[in-house]
Amino acid sequence: MIRLQKAAWVVLALGAALLVAGCDDPNESAVPDEVDFRNADVTYDGSQIVTDIEFYAPFTAGEFFYYFDTAGLGCANFLVKCRAGDFVVLGTAPDTPCSGLHNVSKYTGTPQLSGTSYRLAFPQSALDVPPASEFHLRYWFFEMGSGDRMPDTGDEDLVYVR
């Protein structure tokens, strides 16, 4: 796969299209390699959001967090709690999207781990994005124990326009 810094369309055979966004993070000496984010590719295939995350060593941490701002409010109204055995997509209550309290369970899945790779996939509806609708997602990753964040500041964008 081609590494992309910002969202781009990849045109596949038979007229299908795949939206891909990516980000990279440097190896930070103060962060243990097994929790140090290396890069991520976020793909939207028309129904699912698929994320491939690479670490500098095999992932052994308890958990890390994958945040989404789906409402353009500058805060995370969804988070994915990622662990070796499972991941859970959690949202905030609709009337308090910037509360930081992510206690509405939206989806639970099992990641695929292989070497330094962590892969997860979930339906776009888990982020309250209706099928076949346009959307703009801002996302970032955070590992609380080490404080590693990817990207180090700001966020990345995944935009789908029909």
Foldseek 3Di string as FASTA:
>chain_A
DDAAQAWDWDADPPRFIKIKHKFAEDDDPLDPQLPAWGMKIWMDRQWKTKMKTFTSWHHDDAWKKKFKDFPPPPAGQWIWTDGQFKIWIFGDPPVCSRPPDGDHTQDMDGWDGDTRMTMDMDTPCSVVDDGPDWTKMWMKMADPVSGHIVPPDDTGITTDDD
